[in-house]
Amino acid sequence: MSLDRNLGGVLKTMATTSSALGEAFRSLAVWFFMWTLVIMSSTRWIEALFAGLDRAAIWHRGVAILGTVSLALHALFTEIGKETTLGKPLATLGGNRHLRARGVGDATAVAELST
């Protein structure tokens, strides 16, 4: 019994930590995407800072890749540890002969799964 409670606490801590990491990656993604817009704004000070628009375009691409990776990591870390209500219906749809015999699209069969 004690092991179950300790494991639940560890999982809850992991979910909280992963959620915080997800929010940090979200902030990074927004920051990176904001800089991609600034870099390609074609203003003179940006051109001077990067010694030409061709070099600014290279930086723009690199920062955009970092933003995309950060956004993907945000999506991954914010979903870790969250429960879903689709587990039982999807498992039954995939492996229940009775349900397949009645038809996958049968609304009453899906309603029976949720009870």
Protein backbone atom coordinates (compact mmCIF):
# COMPACT_ATOMS: atom_id res chain seq x y z
CA MET A 1 0.00 0.00 0.00
CA SER A 2 2.79 2.39 0.87
CA LEU A 3 4.54 1.67 -2.41
CA ASP A 4 1.42 2.66 -4.37
CA ARG A 5 1.18 5.97 -2.54
CA ASN A 6 4.86 6.72 -3.06
CA LEU A 7 4.62 5.83 -6.75
CA GLY A 8 1.59 8.09 -7.12
CA GLY A 9 3.51 10.94 -5.55
CA VAL A 10 6.47 10.37 -7.86
CA LEU A 11 4.22 10.31 -10.92
CA LYS A 12 2.47 13.48 -9.78
CA THR A 13 5.83 15.20 -9.31
CA MET A 14 6.96 14.04 -12.75
CA ALA A 15 3.76 15.38 -14.32
CA THR A 16 4.21 18.73 -12.58
CA THR A 17 7.84 18.95 -13.64
CA SER A 18 7.06 18.00 -17.23
CA SER A 19 4.27 20.58 -17.31
CA ALA A 20 6.71 23.26 -16.13
CA LEU A 21 9.22 22.17 -18.78
CA GLY A 22 6.46 22.33 -21.37
CA GLU A 23 5.65 25.90 -20.41
CA ALA A 24 9.34 26.84 -20.56
CA PHE A 25 9.59 25.39 -24.07
CA ARG A 26 6.45 27.32 -25.03
CA SER A 27 8.06 30.57 -23.94
CA LEU A 28 11.23 29.72 -25.83
CA ALA A 29 9.23 28.91 -28.97
CA VAL A 30 7.44 32.26 -28.84
CA TRP A 31 10.74 34.04 -28.24
CA PHE A 32 12.46 32.27 -31.16
CA PHE A 33 9.55 32.92 -33.55
CA MET A 34 9.49 36.58 -32.52
CA TRP A 35 13.17 36.88 -33.41
CA THR A 36 12.61 35.24 -36.81
CA LEU A 37 10.26 38.10 -37.62
CA VAL A 38 12.69 40.71 -36.36
CA ILE A 39 15.63 39.22 -38.26
CA MET A 40 13.78 39.22 -41.58
CA SER A 41 12.28 42.68 -41.13
CA SER A 42 14.74 44.06 -43.74
CA THR A 43 15.59 47.14 -41.74
CA ARG A 44 18.96 48.80 -42.16
CA TRP A 45 20.16 48.12 -38.63
CA ILE A 46 19.42 44.40 -39.03
CA GLU A 47 21.28 44.40 -42.34
CA ALA A 48 24.24 46.10 -40.70
CA LEU A 49 24.13 43.79 -37.66
CA PHE A 50 24.32 40.63 -39.77
CA ALA A 51 26.53 42.11 -42.54
CA GLY A 52 23.89 41.62 -45.21
CA LEU A 53 20.47 40.09 -45.70
CA ASP A 54 21.91 36.80 -46.95
CA ARG A 55 23.54 36.16 -43.57
CA ALA A 56 20.41 37.36 -41.80
CA ALA A 57 18.44 34.77 -43.79
CA ILE A 58 20.76 32.02 -42.56
CA TRP A 59 20.21 33.13 -38.95
CA HIS A 60 16.48 33.40 -39.63
CA ARG A 61 16.36 29.76 -40.74
CA GLY A 62 18.37 28.56 -37.73
CA VAL A 63 16.23 30.46 -35.23
CA ALA A 64 13.07 29.19 -36.94
CA ILE A 65 14.31 25.60 -36.57
CA LEU A 66 14.97 26.21 -32.87
CA GLY A 67 11.46 27.63 -32.51
CA THR A 68 9.91 24.62 -34.22
CA VAL A 69 11.84 22.18 -32.02
CA SER A 70 10.84 24.16 -28.92
CA LEU A 71 7.20 24.07 -30.00
CA ALA A 72 7.34 20.30 -30.51
CA LEU A 73 8.96 19.84 -27.08
CA HIS A 74 6.26 22.05 -25.57
CA ALA A 75 3.56 19.78 -27.01
CA LEU A 76 5.37 16.68 -25.79
CA PHE A 77 6.05 17.83 -22.23
CA THR A 78 2.65 19.38 -21.58
CA GLU A 79 0.89 16.11 -22.43
CA ILE A 80 3.02 13.81 -20.23
CA GLY A 81 1.06 12.50 -17.29
CA LYS A 82 -2.36 13.71 -18.41
CA GLU A 83 -5.22 11.27 -18.30
CA THR A 84 -7.57 10.68 -21.18
CA THR A 85 -11.02 9.15 -21.36
CA LEU A 86 -10.31 7.48 -24.70
CA GLY A 87 -8.26 4.56 -23.35
CA LYS A 88 -11.08 2.10 -22.67
CA PRO A 89 -13.09 2.79 -25.86
CA LEU A 90 -10.00 2.64 -28.08
CA ALA A 91 -8.76 -0.57 -26.48
CA THR A 92 -12.15 -2.15 -26.89
CA LEU A 93 -12.51 -0.99 -30.48
CA GLY A 94 -9.16 -2.53 -31.31
CA GLY A 95 -9.59 -5.89 -29.66
CA ASN A 96 -13.22 -6.70 -28.81
CA ARG A 97 -14.82 -9.25 -31.17
CA HIS A 98 -18.28 -8.51 -29.77
CA LEU A 99 -17.99 -4.85 -30.69
CA ARG A 100 -16.67 -5.62 -34.17
CA ALA A 101 -19.60 -7.98 -34.72
CA ARG A 102 -22.03 -5.21 -33.82
CA GLY A 103 -20.25 -2.67 -36.01
CA VAL A 104 -17.72 -0.03 -35.07
CA GLY A 105 -20.10 2.80 -35.90
CA ASP A 106 -22.83 1.54 -33.59
CA ALA A 107 -23.50 4.31 -31.07
CA THR A 108 -24.99 1.98 -28.45
CA ALA A 109 -21.87 -0.21 -28.49
CA VAL A 110 -19.65 2.80 -27.85
CA ALA A 111 -22.03 3.97 -25.11
CA GLU A 112 -21.71 0.60 -23.40
CA LEU A 113 -17.94 1.04 -23.26
CA SER A 114 -18.13 4.23 -21.26
CA THR A 115 -20.09 2.61 -18.44
